[in-house]
Every structure is written in C-alpha cells, then in structure tokens.
Amino acid sequence: MPPSVPPVAVVIDPGDDAIHTHTALAAHHPPSGRATLHPGPGTTSETGLAHDVLAALGKPPLLPGRFPAGRQPAWEAATAWITGPCPSPG
C-alpha cells in the first residue's frame, strides 16, 4: 500500500499583509512538510512558479544541462523534491 500523502493547502494573500507574511515565514519548515514561497515579482509563468517552489525547498531553481526546446523540467524537479522520501536526520 502506498504511503498516505497529506493534503496540500495553498494560502494566498492578495493584500500582501505584513502579519500574514511573517506568520507564513515562521511556519516555513520543509522537513515538516511546510514550505513558504515568495513568487518572484512579475512572475506570470508556471515555470517561474516551479522555480520559486524549488527555491523555497532550498534546491537550485535553475537546472544544469540541455533540455528539449530549451525547456527546463522545473516542475518535474519540484515534484520529485516534494513527493520523494525525506532522508532521516543523521
């Protein structure tokens, strides 16, 4: 049986409220399954959001190498880091 995956909650703060931002930053703890990310200013692409997810997880947002039609598999990398097993604290 596959392990259960906790639900994903997305919280959006359209007013960019400082108290909300500080609370979200305080909750950021990827090992516990909580990641707070700041979309880059003017980001309008899904790939840009994937890069922001990778950065929030402490992973390189730009992947080295050559990819078909110049596309970097950012969502594939973000998905792998989000759903992969977490290493045990050593």
Protein backbone atom coordinates (compact mmCIF):
# COMPACT_ATOMS: atom_id res chain seq x y z
CA MET A 1 0.00 0.00 0.00
CA PRO A 2 1.47 3.41 -0.93
CA PRO A 3 2.13 5.81 1.94
CA SER A 4 -0.59 8.37 2.52
CA VAL A 5 0.12 11.83 1.26
CA PRO A 6 -1.03 14.70 3.45
CA PRO A 7 -3.36 17.23 1.86
CA VAL A 8 -1.92 20.30 0.23
CA ALA A 9 -3.14 23.69 1.34
CA VAL A 10 -2.42 26.80 -0.67
CA VAL A 11 -2.85 30.10 1.14
CA ILE A 12 -2.90 33.23 -0.97
CA ASP A 13 -2.56 36.71 0.48
CA PRO A 14 -3.69 39.10 -2.28
CA GLY A 15 -3.34 42.08 0.09
CA ASP A 16 0.31 41.25 0.81
CA ASP A 17 -0.35 41.79 4.52
CA ALA A 18 2.83 42.01 6.64
CA ILE A 19 1.38 39.98 9.54
CA HIS A 20 0.37 37.20 7.15
CA THR A 21 3.83 37.21 5.56
CA HIS A 22 5.60 36.98 8.94
CA THR A 23 3.29 34.16 10.05
CA ALA A 24 3.88 32.23 6.83
CA LEU A 25 7.65 32.70 7.07
CA ALA A 26 7.63 31.49 10.68
CA ALA A 27 5.77 28.34 9.58
CA HIS A 28 8.30 27.52 6.83
CA HIS A 29 9.88 24.17 7.67
CA PRO A 30 10.26 21.84 4.65
CA PRO A 31 11.27 18.77 6.74
CA SER A 32 7.86 19.03 8.40
CA GLY A 33 6.09 19.41 5.07
CA ARG A 34 5.57 23.18 5.26
CA ALA A 35 7.10 25.42 2.63
CA THR A 36 6.58 29.15 2.32
CA LEU A 37 7.47 30.64 -1.02
CA HIS A 38 7.53 34.11 -2.44
CA PRO A 39 6.62 34.21 -6.11
CA GLY A 40 9.06 36.46 -7.92
CA PRO A 41 7.74 39.91 -8.80
CA GLY A 42 6.04 39.90 -12.16
CA THR A 43 6.06 36.10 -12.42
CA THR A 44 3.40 35.08 -14.89
CA SER A 45 4.52 31.62 -15.95
CA GLU A 46 4.07 28.19 -14.46
CA THR A 47 7.79 27.58 -14.88
CA GLY A 48 8.53 30.67 -12.78
CA LEU A 49 6.32 29.29 -10.02
CA ALA A 50 8.14 25.94 -10.20
CA HIS A 51 11.45 27.79 -9.77
CA ASP A 52 10.00 29.58 -6.72
CA VAL A 53 8.92 26.21 -5.24
CA LEU A 54 12.42 24.81 -5.75
CA ALA A 55 13.99 27.88 -4.14
CA ALA A 56 11.63 27.59 -1.14
CA LEU A 57 12.75 23.98 -0.72
CA GLY A 58 16.39 25.08 -0.75
CA LYS A 59 17.05 23.44 -4.12
CA PRO A 60 18.64 25.07 -7.17
CA PRO A 61 15.84 26.71 -9.17
CA LEU A 62 17.77 26.52 -12.42
CA LEU A 63 18.79 23.06 -13.50
CA PRO A 64 22.08 22.46 -15.36
CA GLY A 65 22.10 20.74 -18.69
CA ARG A 66 20.35 20.89 -22.03
CA PHE A 67 16.64 20.20 -22.36
CA PRO A 68 14.29 19.79 -25.32
CA ALA A 69 13.36 23.10 -26.96
CA GLY A 70 15.24 24.94 -24.18
CA ARG A 71 12.66 23.88 -21.58
CA GLN A 72 13.95 23.06 -18.14
CA PRO A 73 11.97 20.32 -16.36
CA ALA A 74 11.37 22.55 -13.34
CA TRP A 75 8.02 21.02 -12.38
CA GLU A 76 9.43 17.52 -12.66
CA ALA A 77 12.24 18.50 -10.28
CA ALA A 78 9.85 20.29 -7.88
CA THR A 79 7.53 17.28 -7.86
CA ALA A 80 10.41 14.92 -7.17
CA TRP A 81 11.61 17.01 -4.21
CA ILE A 82 8.08 17.39 -2.82
CA THR A 83 6.99 13.76 -3.14
CA GLY A 84 10.30 11.92 -2.67
CA PRO A 85 11.26 10.32 0.60
CA CYS A 86 12.92 12.60 3.09
CA PRO A 87 16.30 11.45 4.35
CA SER A 88 16.47 10.57 8.02
CA PRO A 89 18.26 13.08 10.22
CA GLY A 90 21.76 11.78 10.53
